[in-house]
């Protein structure tokens, strides 16, 4: 087991079908995305509640690709918990020190310390219309103390550290998370033909400083690829 800031954990079955086993000590509590639980010991008590305070805040969270409800596991005695997202890929632990802040993109949140503040925010009209992937993001703030954050990626993780003012272009659909110090915008590259025909004419332009974490597969593009092999309903004559 690896000792995080708050929890002991191990990422198992890396890198394609990873899951996290968290060893909770008596009295510890962890919050998890709905649908991520694989197993838990009977010494752990599960409770389910709205992911955010207030109905509309929880609804906004759904728009960010997360669930309306969040599960909380309370250790009445020592016990283990297994967690994994719905998609195949890897899992990462991100330790957050007090006042650290991270932005998480659609569907990447798996679990975290319960005292973290979470807020769903809108990317803005321009970035939402032309980003092509998602309009909302989840912000995680460690305002009340240090703790542990676990995120999932479809495929493998790619991490890029950006210096102050350094620019970096990537496909929006490959973004998993980034430190809140990184700024985000949508930029056009190439001419009109590239923009409308190649699928690569618009990119997310990130500006440092801060860490950027990406995934090697784009869930939307993967879903479209799978759709090509699905049986189509026959048309009536």
C-alpha atoms as a PDB file:
ATOM      1  CA  UNK A   1       0.000   0.000   0.000  1.00  0.00           C
ATOM      2  CA  UNK A   2       1.069   3.592  -0.706  1.00  0.00           C
ATOM      3  CA  UNK A   3       0.545   6.228   1.961  1.00  0.00           C
ATOM      4  CA  UNK A   4      -1.216   9.313   0.633  1.00  0.00           C
ATOM      5  CA  UNK A   5      -1.796  12.473   2.632  1.00  0.00           C
ATOM      6  CA  UNK A   6      -4.925  11.010   4.232  1.00  0.00           C
ATOM      7  CA  UNK A   7      -5.451   7.469   2.924  1.00  0.00           C
ATOM      8  CA  UNK A   8      -3.463   4.309   2.297  1.00  0.00           C
ATOM      9  CA  UNK A   9      -4.179   3.095  -1.245  1.00  0.00           C
ATOM     10  CA  UNK A  10      -2.920   1.020  -4.140  1.00  0.00           C
ATOM     11  CA  UNK A  11      -3.681   1.360  -7.848  1.00  0.00           C
ATOM     12  CA  UNK A  12      -4.026  -2.210  -9.100  1.00  0.00           C
ATOM     13  CA  UNK A  13      -4.212  -3.861 -12.553  1.00  0.00           C
ATOM     14  CA  UNK A  14      -2.431  -0.949 -14.236  1.00  0.00           C
ATOM     15  CA  UNK A  15      -2.445   0.456 -16.819  1.00  0.00           C
ATOM     16  CA  UNK A  16      -5.468  -0.576 -18.903  1.00  0.00           C
ATOM     17  CA  UNK A  17      -8.129  -1.705 -16.426  1.00  0.00           C
ATOM     18  CA  UNK A  18      -6.935  -0.004 -13.249  1.00  0.00           C
ATOM     19  CA  UNK A  19      -8.842   0.175 -10.005  1.00  0.00           C
ATOM     20  CA  UNK A  20      -8.004   1.745  -6.650  1.00  0.00           C
ATOM     21  CA  UNK A  21      -8.048  -0.189  -3.409  1.00  0.00           C
ATOM     22  CA  UNK A  22      -8.282   2.205  -0.464  1.00  0.00           C
ATOM     23  CA  UNK A  23      -7.528   0.896   3.040  1.00  0.00           C
ATOM     24  CA  UNK A  24      -9.585   3.025   5.422  1.00  0.00           C
ATOM     25  CA  UNK A  25      -8.680   3.204   9.091  1.00  0.00           C
ATOM     26  CA  UNK A  26     -11.385   3.340  11.738  1.00  0.00           C
ATOM     27  CA  UNK A  27     -13.017   6.770  11.667  1.00  0.00           C
ATOM     28  CA  UNK A  28     -11.828   7.723   8.163  1.00  0.00           C
ATOM     29  CA  UNK A  29     -14.331   8.879   5.534  1.00  0.00           C
ATOM     30  CA  UNK A  30     -13.963   9.125   1.743  1.00  0.00           C
ATOM     31  CA  UNK A  31     -16.330  10.479  -0.918  1.00  0.00           C
ATOM     32  CA  UNK A  32     -16.682   8.724  -4.279  1.00  0.00           C
ATOM     33  CA  UNK A  33     -18.379   9.344  -7.589  1.00  0.00           C
ATOM     34  CA  UNK A  34     -21.639   7.423  -7.985  1.00  0.00           C
ATOM     35  CA  UNK A  35     -21.152   4.143  -9.866  1.00  0.00           C
ATOM     36  CA  UNK A  36     -17.430   3.786  -9.105  1.00  0.00           C
ATOM     37  CA  UNK A  37     -17.689   1.279  -6.236  1.00  0.00           C
ATOM     38  CA  UNK A  38     -16.522  -2.293  -7.002  1.00  0.00           C
ATOM     39  CA  UNK A  39     -16.445  -3.741  -3.472  1.00  0.00           C
ATOM     40  CA  UNK A  40     -16.211  -2.736   0.185  1.00  0.00           C
ATOM     41  CA  UNK A  41     -15.785  -4.520   3.499  1.00  0.00           C
ATOM     42  CA  UNK A  42     -18.807  -4.768   5.831  1.00  0.00           C
ATOM     43  CA  UNK A  43     -16.893  -2.625   8.352  1.00  0.00           C
ATOM     44  CA  UNK A  44     -17.565   0.342   6.042  1.00  0.00           C
ATOM     45  CA  UNK A  45     -20.877   2.193   6.100  1.00  0.00           C
ATOM     46  CA  UNK A  46     -22.151   3.708   2.859  1.00  0.00           C
ATOM     47  CA  UNK A  47     -24.386   6.770   2.575  1.00  0.00           C
ATOM     48  CA  UNK A  48     -25.640   8.545  -0.537  1.00  0.00           C
ATOM     49  CA  UNK A  49     -26.482  12.215  -0.889  1.00  0.00           C
ATOM     50  CA  UNK A  50     -26.594  14.994  -3.473  1.00  0.00           C
ATOM     51  CA  UNK A  51     -23.117  15.684  -4.795  1.00  0.00           C
ATOM     52  CA  UNK A  52     -23.391  19.398  -3.982  1.00  0.00           C
ATOM     53  CA  UNK A  53     -25.394  21.449  -1.548  1.00  0.00           C
ATOM     54  CA  UNK A  54     -28.606  22.383  -3.307  1.00  0.00           C
ATOM     55  CA  UNK A  55     -30.509  20.754  -6.179  1.00  0.00           C
ATOM     56  CA  UNK A  56     -29.298  23.069  -8.941  1.00  0.00           C
ATOM     57  CA  UNK A  57     -25.630  22.809  -7.917  1.00  0.00           C
ATOM     58  CA  UNK A  58     -25.904  19.017  -8.136  1.00  0.00           C
ATOM     59  CA  UNK A  59     -27.633  19.361 -11.512  1.00  0.00           C
ATOM     60  CA  UNK A  60     -24.785  21.534 -12.792  1.00  0.00           C
ATOM     61  CA  UNK A  61     -22.435  18.751 -11.763  1.00  0.00           C
ATOM     62  CA  UNK A  62     -24.281  16.373 -14.088  1.00  0.00           C
ATOM     63  CA  UNK A  63     -23.674  18.853 -16.920  1.00  0.00           C
ATOM     64  CA  UNK A  64     -19.951  18.552 -16.145  1.00  0.00           C
ATOM     65  CA  UNK A  65     -20.128  14.807 -16.826  1.00  0.00           C
ATOM     66  CA  UNK A  66     -20.287  13.719 -13.176  1.00  0.00           C
ATOM     67  CA  UNK A  67     -23.156  12.163 -11.209  1.00  0.00           C
ATOM     68  CA  UNK A  68     -26.004  13.886  -9.351  1.00  0.00           C
ATOM     69  CA  UNK A  69     -25.358  11.769  -6.247  1.00  0.00           C
ATOM     70  CA  UNK A  70     -22.148  11.085  -4.341  1.00  0.00           C
ATOM     71  CA  UNK A  71     -21.396   8.055  -2.164  1.00  0.00           C
ATOM     72  CA  UNK A  72     -19.617   8.449   1.167  1.00  0.00           C
ATOM     73  CA  UNK A  73     -17.910   5.548   2.934  1.00  0.00           C
ATOM     74  CA  UNK A  74     -17.395   5.809   6.695  1.00  0.00           C
ATOM     75  CA  UNK A  75     -15.054   3.298   8.349  1.00  0.00           C
ATOM     76  CA  UNK A  76     -16.721   1.972  11.516  1.00  0.00           C
ATOM     77  CA  UNK A  77     -13.605  -0.213  11.736  1.00  0.00           C
ATOM     78  CA  UNK A  78     -10.606  -0.848   9.457  1.00  0.00           C
ATOM     79  CA  UNK A  79     -11.665  -2.005   5.996  1.00  0.00           C
ATOM     80  CA  UNK A  80     -10.963  -1.829   2.259  1.00  0.00           C
ATOM     81  CA  UNK A  81     -12.831  -0.251  -0.630  1.00  0.00           C
ATOM     82  CA  UNK A  82     -12.384  -0.833  -4.379  1.00  0.00           C
ATOM     83  CA  UNK A  83     -13.153   1.943  -6.889  1.00  0.00           C
ATOM     84  CA  UNK A  84     -12.993   2.330 -10.674  1.00  0.00           C
ATOM     85  CA  UNK A  85     -14.659   4.530 -13.318  1.00  0.00           C
ATOM     86  CA  UNK A  86     -16.920   3.066 -16.007  1.00  0.00           C
ATOM     87  CA  UNK A  87     -14.361   3.443 -18.809  1.00  0.00           C
ATOM     88  CA  UNK A  88     -11.137   1.435 -19.351  1.00  0.00           C
ATOM     89  CA  UNK A  89      -7.878   3.169 -18.581  1.00  0.00           C
ATOM     90  CA  UNK A  90      -5.591   4.238 -15.773  1.00  0.00           C
ATOM     91  CA  UNK A  91      -6.053   5.923 -12.387  1.00  0.00           C
ATOM     92  CA  UNK A  92      -3.925   8.589 -10.717  1.00  0.00           C
ATOM     93  CA  UNK A  93      -3.507   9.920  -7.193  1.00  0.00           C
ATOM     94  CA  UNK A  94      -3.071  13.692  -6.877  1.00  0.00           C
ATOM     95  CA  UNK A  95      -2.031  14.905  -3.400  1.00  0.00           C
ATOM     96  CA  UNK A  96      -3.458  18.335  -2.603  1.00  0.00           C
ATOM     97  CA  UNK A  97      -1.849  20.600  -0.054  1.00  0.00           C
ATOM     98  CA  UNK A  98      -3.909  23.211   1.777  1.00  0.00           C
ATOM     99  CA  UNK A  99      -5.211  25.884  -0.646  1.00  0.00           C
ATOM    100  CA  UNK A 100      -4.307  23.831  -3.739  1.00  0.00           C
ATOM    101  CA  UNK A 101      -6.893  24.066  -6.502  1.00  0.00           C
ATOM    102  CA  UNK A 102      -7.490  21.816  -9.522  1.00  0.00           C
ATOM    103  CA  UNK A 103      -9.825  21.842 -12.531  1.00  0.00           C
ATOM    104  CA  UNK A 104     -11.258  18.461 -13.569  1.00  0.00           C
ATOM    105  CA  UNK A 105     -12.855  17.784 -16.936  1.00  0.00           C
ATOM    106  CA  UNK A 106     -15.828  15.586 -17.830  1.00  0.00           C
ATOM    107  CA  UNK A 107     -16.107  12.244 -16.066  1.00  0.00           C
ATOM    108  CA  UNK A 108     -12.571  12.167 -14.643  1.00  0.00           C
ATOM    109  CA  UNK A 109     -13.366  12.525 -10.928  1.00  0.00           C
ATOM    110  CA  UNK A 110     -13.289   9.209  -9.005  1.00  0.00           C
ATOM    111  CA  UNK A 111     -12.865   9.975  -5.277  1.00  0.00           C
ATOM    112  CA  UNK A 112     -11.423  12.464  -2.804  1.00  0.00           C
ATOM    113  CA  UNK A 113     -11.162  13.598   0.774  1.00  0.00           C
ATOM    114  CA  UNK A 114     -14.548  14.732   2.060  1.00  0.00           C
ATOM    115  CA  UNK A 115     -13.418  18.183   3.210  1.00  0.00           C
ATOM    116  CA  UNK A 116     -12.546  19.390  -0.301  1.00  0.00           C
ATOM    117  CA  UNK A 117     -14.756  22.132  -1.721  1.00  0.00           C
ATOM    118  CA  UNK A 118     -16.205  21.298  -5.161  1.00  0.00           C
ATOM    119  CA  UNK A 119     -17.846  23.717  -7.571  1.00  0.00           C
ATOM    120  CA  UNK A 120     -19.147  23.237 -11.103  1.00  0.00           C
ATOM    121  CA  UNK A 121     -18.398  26.138 -13.459  1.00  0.00           C
ATOM    122  CA  UNK A 122     -19.227  27.109 -17.033  1.00  0.00           C
ATOM    123  CA  UNK A 123     -16.344  27.372 -19.495  1.00  0.00           C
ATOM    124  CA  UNK A 124     -17.899  30.386 -21.181  1.00  0.00           C
ATOM    125  CA  UNK A 125     -19.917  30.760 -24.379  1.00  0.00           C
ATOM    126  CA  UNK A 126     -17.001  30.952 -26.810  1.00  0.00           C
ATOM    127  CA  UNK A 127     -15.087  28.018 -25.327  1.00  0.00           C
ATOM    128  CA  UNK A 128     -18.246  25.910 -25.041  1.00  0.00           C
ATOM    129  CA  UNK A 129     -19.487  26.539 -28.584  1.00  0.00           C
ATOM    130  CA  UNK A 130     -16.142  25.890 -30.243  1.00  0.00           C
ATOM    131  CA  UNK A 131     -14.486  23.512 -27.775  1.00  0.00           C
ATOM    132  CA  UNK A 132     -16.526  20.635 -29.164  1.00  0.00           C
ATOM    133  CA  UNK A 133     -16.268  18.434 -26.067  1.00  0.00           C
ATOM    134  CA  UNK A 134     -17.678  19.854 -22.854  1.00  0.00           C
ATOM    135  CA  UNK A 135     -19.159  23.104 -21.551  1.00  0.00           C
ATOM    136  CA  UNK A 136     -18.683  22.654 -17.802  1.00  0.00           C
ATOM    137  CA  UNK A 137     -15.820  21.678 -15.533  1.00  0.00           C
ATOM    138  CA  UNK A 138     -15.433  20.663 -11.890  1.00  0.00           C
ATOM    139  CA  UNK A 139     -13.183  22.715  -9.602  1.00  0.00           C
ATOM    140  CA  UNK A 140     -11.685  21.045  -6.520  1.00  0.00           C
ATOM    141  CA  UNK A 141     -10.321  23.328  -3.771  1.00  0.00           C
ATOM    142  CA  UNK A 142      -8.421  22.164  -0.691  1.00  0.00           C
ATOM    143  CA  UNK A 143      -9.425  25.220   1.316  1.00  0.00           C
ATOM    144  CA  UNK A 144      -9.969  23.302   4.557  1.00  0.00           C
ATOM    145  CA  UNK A 145      -6.756  21.305   4.548  1.00  0.00           C
ATOM    146  CA  UNK A 146      -4.585  18.858   2.622  1.00  0.00           C
ATOM    147  CA  UNK A 147      -5.936  15.570   1.279  1.00  0.00           C
ATOM    148  CA  UNK A 148      -6.114  13.079  -1.568  1.00  0.00           C
ATOM    149  CA  UNK A 149      -7.732  13.273  -5.002  1.00  0.00           C
ATOM    150  CA  UNK A 150      -8.143  10.327  -7.396  1.00  0.00           C
ATOM    151  CA  UNK A 151      -8.839  10.817 -11.113  1.00  0.00           C
ATOM    152  CA  UNK A 152      -9.336   8.457 -14.036  1.00  0.00           C
ATOM    153  CA  UNK A 153      -8.199   8.586 -17.658  1.00  0.00           C
ATOM    154  CA  UNK A 154      -9.417   6.769 -20.732  1.00  0.00           C
ATOM    155  CA  UNK A 155      -6.182   5.145 -21.873  1.00  0.00           C
ATOM    156  CA  UNK A 156      -2.838   6.253 -20.446  1.00  0.00           C
ATOM    157  CA  UNK A 157      -1.950   9.438 -18.577  1.00  0.00           C
ATOM    158  CA  UNK A 158       0.218  12.128 -20.127  1.00  0.00           C
ATOM    159  CA  UNK A 159       1.499  14.871 -17.842  1.00  0.00           C
ATOM    160  CA  UNK A 160       2.943  18.205 -18.978  1.00  0.00           C
ATOM    161  CA  UNK A 161       4.445  20.754 -16.550  1.00  0.00           C
ATOM    162  CA  UNK A 162       4.094  24.290 -17.898  1.00  0.00           C
ATOM    163  CA  UNK A 163       6.360  27.161 -16.917  1.00  0.00           C
ATOM    164  CA  UNK A 164       4.983  30.645 -16.304  1.00  0.00           C
ATOM    165  CA  UNK A 165       3.680  31.995 -19.625  1.00  0.00           C
ATOM    166  CA  UNK A 166       4.434  28.771 -21.546  1.00  0.00           C
ATOM    167  CA  UNK A 167       1.828  27.930 -24.210  1.00  0.00           C
ATOM    168  CA  UNK A 168       0.617  24.415 -24.963  1.00  0.00           C
ATOM    169  CA  UNK A 169      -1.955  23.230 -27.513  1.00  0.00           C
ATOM    170  CA  UNK A 170      -4.013  20.062 -27.157  1.00  0.00           C
ATOM    171  CA  UNK A 171      -7.346  18.547 -28.075  1.00  0.00           C
ATOM    172  CA  UNK A 172      -9.975  19.507 -25.501  1.00  0.00           C
ATOM    173  CA  UNK A 173     -11.290  15.925 -25.345  1.00  0.00           C
ATOM    174  CA  UNK A 174      -7.932  14.639 -24.085  1.00  0.00           C
ATOM    175  CA  UNK A 175      -7.864  16.919 -21.034  1.00  0.00           C
ATOM    176  CA  UNK A 176      -8.280  15.243 -17.645  1.00  0.00           C
ATOM    177  CA  UNK A 177      -7.182  17.838 -15.105  1.00  0.00           C
ATOM    178  CA  UNK A 178      -5.011  20.886 -14.603  1.00  0.00           C
ATOM    179  CA  UNK A 179      -3.976  23.141 -11.794  1.00  0.00           C
ATOM    180  CA  UNK A 180      -6.224  26.191 -11.513  1.00  0.00           C
ATOM    181  CA  UNK A 181      -3.206  28.416 -12.194  1.00  0.00           C
ATOM    182  CA  UNK A 182      -3.298  27.223 -15.840  1.00  0.00           C
ATOM    183  CA  UNK A 183      -5.470  29.395 -18.094  1.00  0.00           C
ATOM    184  CA  UNK A 184      -7.594  27.904 -20.879  1.00  0.00           C
ATOM    185  CA  UNK A 185      -8.779  29.208 -24.240  1.00  0.00           C
ATOM    186  CA  UNK A 186      -9.935  27.857 -27.618  1.00  0.00           C
ATOM    187  CA  UNK A 187      -7.811  28.846 -30.610  1.00  0.00           C
ATOM    188  CA  UNK A 188      -8.062  28.269 -34.353  1.00  0.00           C
ATOM    189  CA  UNK A 189      -5.079  26.733 -36.128  1.00  0.00           C
ATOM    190  CA  UNK A 190      -4.633  26.586 -39.868  1.00  0.00           C
ATOM    191  CA  UNK A 191      -7.099  27.935 -42.409  1.00  0.00           C
ATOM    192  CA  UNK A 192     -10.844  27.495 -42.799  1.00  0.00           C
ATOM    193  CA  UNK A 193     -10.368  24.146 -44.554  1.00  0.00           C
ATOM    194  CA  UNK A 194      -8.402  22.758 -41.613  1.00  0.00           C
ATOM    195  CA  UNK A 195     -10.909  24.107 -39.130  1.00  0.00           C
ATOM    196  CA  UNK A 196     -13.999  22.576 -40.716  1.00  0.00           C
ATOM    197  CA  UNK A 197     -12.712  19.419 -42.436  1.00  0.00           C
ATOM    198  CA  UNK A 198      -9.774  18.012 -40.495  1.00  0.00           C
ATOM    199  CA  UNK A 199     -11.310  17.885 -37.043  1.00  0.00           C
ATOM    200  CA  UNK A 200      -8.080  19.451 -35.753  1.00  0.00           C
ATOM    201  CA  UNK A 201      -8.644  23.100 -36.649  1.00  0.00           C
ATOM    202  CA  UNK A 202      -9.651  24.144 -33.126  1.00  0.00           C
ATOM    203  CA  UNK A 203      -7.450  23.402 -30.134  1.00  0.00           C
ATOM    204  CA  UNK A 204      -7.410  24.105 -26.429  1.00  0.00           C
ATOM    205  CA  UNK A 205      -4.579  26.547 -25.792  1.00  0.00           C
ATOM    206  CA  UNK A 206      -3.257  26.352 -22.244  1.00  0.00           C
ATOM    207  CA  UNK A 207      -0.977  28.901 -20.617  1.00  0.00           C
ATOM    208  CA  UNK A 208       1.218  28.101 -17.609  1.00  0.00           C
ATOM    209  CA  UNK A 209       2.254  27.989 -14.904  1.00  0.00           C
ATOM    210  CA  UNK A 210       0.994  24.635 -13.640  1.00  0.00           C
ATOM    211  CA  UNK A 211       0.601  20.925 -14.295  1.00  0.00           C
ATOM    212  CA  UNK A 212      -1.634  19.614 -17.072  1.00  0.00           C
ATOM    213  CA  UNK A 213      -2.810  15.980 -17.088  1.00  0.00           C
ATOM    214  CA  UNK A 214      -4.187  14.430 -20.271  1.00  0.00           C
ATOM    215  CA  UNK A 215      -5.533  11.057 -21.403  1.00  0.00           C
ATOM    216  CA  UNK A 216      -4.280   9.206 -24.485  1.00  0.00           C
ATOM    217  CA  UNK A 217      -7.813   8.477 -25.752  1.00  0.00           C
ATOM    218  CA  UNK A 218     -10.643  10.896 -26.489  1.00  0.00           C
ATOM    219  CA  UNK A 219     -13.891   9.337 -25.142  1.00  0.00           C
ATOM    220  CA  UNK A 220     -16.053  11.122 -27.707  1.00  0.00           C
ATOM    221  CA  UNK A 221     -13.916  10.017 -30.654  1.00  0.00           C
ATOM    222  CA  UNK A 222     -13.778   6.475 -29.257  1.00  0.00           C
ATOM    223  CA  UNK A 223     -17.595   6.398 -29.007  1.00  0.00           C
ATOM    224  CA  UNK A 224     -17.903   7.604 -32.617  1.00  0.00           C
ATOM    225  CA  UNK A 225     -15.431   4.923 -33.733  1.00  0.00           C
ATOM    226  CA  UNK A 226     -17.467   2.225 -31.966  1.00  0.00           C
ATOM    227  CA  UNK A 227     -20.676   3.545 -33.525  1.00  0.00           C
ATOM    228  CA  UNK A 228     -19.345   2.689 -36.989  1.00  0.00           C
ATOM    229  CA  UNK A 229     -19.363  -1.009 -36.042  1.00  0.00           C
ATOM    230  CA  UNK A 230     -22.801  -1.059 -34.402  1.00  0.00           C
ATOM    231  CA  UNK A 231     -25.729  -2.605 -36.336  1.00  0.00           C
ATOM    232  CA  UNK A 232     -27.976   0.063 -37.792  1.00  0.00           C
ATOM    233  CA  UNK A 233     -31.763  -0.250 -37.918  1.00  0.00           C
ATOM    234  CA  UNK A 234     -33.010  -1.210 -41.344  1.00  0.00           C
ATOM    235  CA  UNK A 235     -35.173   1.272 -43.166  1.00  0.00           C
ATOM    236  CA  UNK A 236     -38.673   0.356 -44.159  1.00  0.00           C
ATOM    237  CA  UNK A 237     -39.202   0.010 -47.929  1.00  0.00           C
END
